[in-house]
Amino acid sequence: MTAAQVVLVGPMGVGKSTVGRLLAEALGVGYRDTDDDIVAAQGRTIAEIFVDDGEPAFRAIEKAAVREALAGHEGVLALGGGSILDADTRALLAGHRVVYLSMDVEEAVKRTGLNTARPLLAVNPRKQWRELMEARRSLYEEVASVVVATDGRTPEEVTQVALDALELKQA
């Protein structure tokens, strides 16, 4: 497989998994999600890890999962929403084709309902989502090769915009 690796970053609920699968299909490469890797390795959900072990423990697990996936996967890779908080992870992303999928808070509400299955949004979800994005937006932009707004677009449209922006040929 000689296709270039594409890494998707962005907030929870933006569609990284859906768009990632579509991108992988369009490019004829494999798809991988570091959140799925973590759940498989830990035998419990992300929410359970947050509740049982706390956010710092989760972030350490996530950092290792991202490092391993970046080193060992040649297809499309989706990262958890907070993975870019780690400076080492941001440094590892340098040189990769990184697509930042963005959306505004109203779109986030429509897509996720800002539900409590998201551990960082358990109390006052709109306010917390805005605060998370204020803290993370510049980090997403720092690592991004391209930014693709997802608001009002279908996953297929987002996928095509990402392919065009990265100037990648479909398989």
Protein backbone atom coordinates (compact mmCIF):
# COMPACT_ATOMS: atom_id res chain seq x y z
CA MET A 1 0.00 0.00 0.00
CA THR A 2 1.57 3.27 -1.08
CA ALA A 3 -1.30 5.66 -0.40
CA ALA A 4 -0.42 8.62 1.77
CA GLN A 5 -1.61 8.58 5.34
CA VAL A 6 -4.41 11.00 6.23
CA VAL A 7 -5.07 11.89 9.86
CA LEU A 8 -8.40 13.34 10.96
CA VAL A 9 -8.68 15.62 13.98
CA GLY A 10 -11.55 17.65 15.37
CA PRO A 11 -14.06 17.83 18.19
CA MET A 12 -16.25 14.98 19.37
CA GLY A 13 -19.24 14.41 17.13
CA VAL A 14 -17.76 16.15 14.09
CA GLY A 15 -17.81 12.98 12.01
CA LYS A 16 -14.21 11.80 12.09
CA SER A 17 -15.22 8.13 12.11
CA THR A 18 -17.81 8.47 9.34
CA VAL A 19 -15.65 10.65 7.11
CA GLY A 20 -12.60 8.54 7.90
CA ARG A 21 -14.28 5.39 6.62
CA LEU A 22 -15.45 7.20 3.47
CA LEU A 23 -11.97 8.63 2.85
CA ALA A 24 -10.36 5.23 3.32
CA GLU A 25 -12.82 3.69 0.88
CA ALA A 26 -12.25 6.45 -1.68
CA LEU A 27 -8.46 6.08 -1.39
CA GLY A 28 -8.50 2.29 -1.30
CA VAL A 29 -6.69 2.12 2.05
CA GLY A 30 -7.45 0.91 5.56
CA TYR A 31 -9.22 2.89 8.27
CA ARG A 32 -8.27 3.05 11.94
CA ASP A 33 -9.61 5.01 14.92
CA THR A 34 -7.45 5.45 18.02
CA ASP A 35 -10.55 5.56 20.26
CA ASP A 36 -11.46 2.08 18.95
CA ASP A 37 -7.88 0.95 19.63
CA ILE A 38 -8.12 2.20 23.22
CA VAL A 39 -11.49 0.52 23.86
CA ALA A 40 -10.21 -2.76 22.43
CA ALA A 41 -6.97 -2.67 24.43
CA GLN A 42 -8.60 -1.58 27.70
CA GLY A 43 -11.75 -3.70 27.45
CA ARG A 44 -13.93 -0.77 28.51
CA THR A 45 -15.42 2.41 27.07
CA ILE A 46 -13.70 5.79 26.99
CA ALA A 47 -16.31 7.05 29.47
CA GLU A 48 -15.52 4.19 31.85
CA ILE A 49 -11.80 4.98 31.68
CA PHE A 50 -12.53 8.64 32.49
CA VAL A 51 -14.76 7.71 35.43
CA ASP A 52 -12.58 4.89 36.81
CA ASP A 53 -9.10 6.31 36.25
CA GLY A 54 -9.53 10.04 35.53
CA GLU A 55 -8.65 12.19 32.55
CA PRO A 56 -4.84 12.22 33.10
CA ALA A 57 -4.73 8.41 32.97
CA PHE A 58 -6.88 8.39 29.84
CA ARG A 59 -4.67 10.99 28.15
CA ALA A 60 -1.57 8.85 28.82
CA ILE A 61 -3.29 5.81 27.27
CA GLU A 62 -4.43 7.95 24.35
CA LYS A 63 -0.95 9.38 23.75
CA ALA A 64 0.52 5.87 23.49
CA ALA A 65 -2.30 4.72 21.19
CA VAL A 66 -1.79 7.68 18.84
CA ARG A 67 1.98 7.20 18.75
CA GLU A 68 1.55 3.50 17.88
CA ALA A 69 -1.12 4.18 15.23
CA LEU A 70 0.88 6.95 13.54
CA ALA A 71 3.91 4.65 13.34
CA GLY A 72 2.05 1.57 12.17
CA HIS A 73 -0.86 2.60 9.96
CA GLU A 74 -0.60 3.74 6.34
CA GLY A 75 -4.24 4.51 5.66
CA VAL A 76 -6.73 6.93 7.16
CA LEU A 77 -6.47 7.49 10.91
CA ALA A 78 -9.03 9.25 13.12
CA LEU A 79 -7.82 10.65 16.46
CA GLY A 80 -9.85 11.29 19.59
CA GLY A 81 -11.00 14.88 20.05
CA GLY A 82 -8.56 15.67 22.85
CA SER A 83 -5.49 13.92 21.49
CA ILE A 84 -4.05 17.19 20.19
CA LEU A 85 -3.79 18.53 23.76
CA ASP A 86 -0.49 16.68 24.10
CA ALA A 87 2.53 18.60 22.76
CA ASP A 88 4.38 15.38 21.85
CA THR A 89 1.37 14.19 19.85
CA ARG A 90 1.20 17.52 18.02
CA ALA A 91 4.91 17.19 17.19
CA LEU A 92 4.33 13.65 15.87
CA LEU A 93 1.64 15.00 13.52
CA ALA A 94 4.12 17.30 11.78
CA GLY A 95 4.76 15.96 8.31
CA HIS A 96 1.45 14.08 8.13
CA ARG A 97 -1.54 15.13 6.05
CA VAL A 98 -3.86 16.27 8.81
CA VAL A 99 -7.46 17.26 8.16
CA TYR A 100 -9.17 19.32 10.86
CA LEU A 101 -12.91 18.74 10.62
CA SER A 102 -14.59 21.77 12.16
CA MET A 103 -18.15 22.63 13.20
CA ASP A 104 -19.90 25.27 15.25
CA VAL A 105 -21.78 24.64 18.51
CA GLU A 106 -25.22 24.56 16.86
CA GLU A 107 -24.07 21.81 14.54
CA ALA A 108 -22.58 19.96 17.53
CA VAL A 109 -25.94 20.13 19.30
CA LYS A 110 -27.70 18.72 16.23
CA ARG A 111 -25.22 15.89 15.77
CA THR A 112 -24.54 14.72 19.30
CA GLY A 113 -27.42 16.18 21.26
CA LEU A 114 -24.45 16.98 23.51
CA ASN A 115 -25.35 13.88 25.44
CA THR A 116 -23.95 12.67 28.71
CA ALA A 117 -22.23 9.66 27.13
CA ARG A 118 -19.52 12.20 26.39
CA PRO A 119 -17.65 12.44 29.72
CA LEU A 120 -16.32 15.95 29.16
CA LEU A 121 -19.81 17.28 28.45
CA ALA A 122 -21.73 15.85 31.39
CA VAL A 123 -22.66 19.20 32.99
CA ASN A 124 -23.93 22.18 30.94
CA PRO A 125 -22.96 20.63 27.60
CA ARG A 126 -23.24 23.75 25.40
CA LYS A 127 -21.05 25.82 27.70
CA GLN A 128 -18.53 23.01 28.10
CA TRP A 129 -18.40 22.36 24.35
CA ARG A 130 -17.70 26.05 23.71
CA GLU A 131 -14.97 26.06 26.38
CA LEU A 132 -13.40 22.90 24.97
CA MET A 133 -13.34 24.43 21.51
CA GLU A 134 -11.88 27.71 22.77
CA ALA A 135 -9.08 25.69 24.38
CA ARG A 136 -8.56 23.36 21.43
CA ARG A 137 -9.32 25.29 18.22
CA SER A 138 -5.83 26.80 17.91
CA LEU A 139 -4.27 23.35 18.55
CA TYR A 140 -6.39 21.76 15.83
CA GLU A 141 -5.37 24.57 13.48
CA GLU A 142 -1.70 24.19 14.48
CA VAL A 143 -1.56 20.54 13.35
CA ALA A 144 -3.86 20.86 10.33
CA SER A 145 -2.73 20.68 6.73
CA VAL A 146 -6.27 21.66 5.75
CA VAL A 147 -9.44 22.70 7.56
CA VAL A 148 -12.77 21.37 6.33
CA ALA A 149 -15.98 22.87 7.73
CA THR A 150 -18.61 20.17 8.17
CA ASP A 151 -21.57 22.41 8.99
CA GLY A 152 -24.52 21.73 6.69
CA ARG A 153 -22.55 19.19 4.62
CA THR A 154 -23.18 15.48 4.22
CA PRO A 155 -20.33 13.10 5.11
CA GLU A 156 -19.89 12.45 1.38
CA GLU A 157 -19.53 16.18 0.69
CA VAL A 158 -17.02 16.57 3.53
CA THR A 159 -15.05 13.61 2.17
CA GLN A 160 -14.91 15.12 -1.32
CA VAL A 161 -13.85 18.53 0.01
CA ALA A 162 -11.07 16.85 2.03
CA LEU A 163 -9.88 14.86 -0.99
CA ASP A 164 -9.86 18.00 -3.13
CA ALA A 165 -8.09 20.07 -0.46
CA LEU A 166 -5.40 17.43 -0.03
CA GLU A 167 -5.21 16.94 -3.81
CA LEU A 168 -5.50 13.19 -3.36
CA LYS A 169 -6.57 10.86 -6.13
CA GLN A 170 -9.34 8.39 -5.48
CA ALA A 171 -8.52 4.72 -5.89
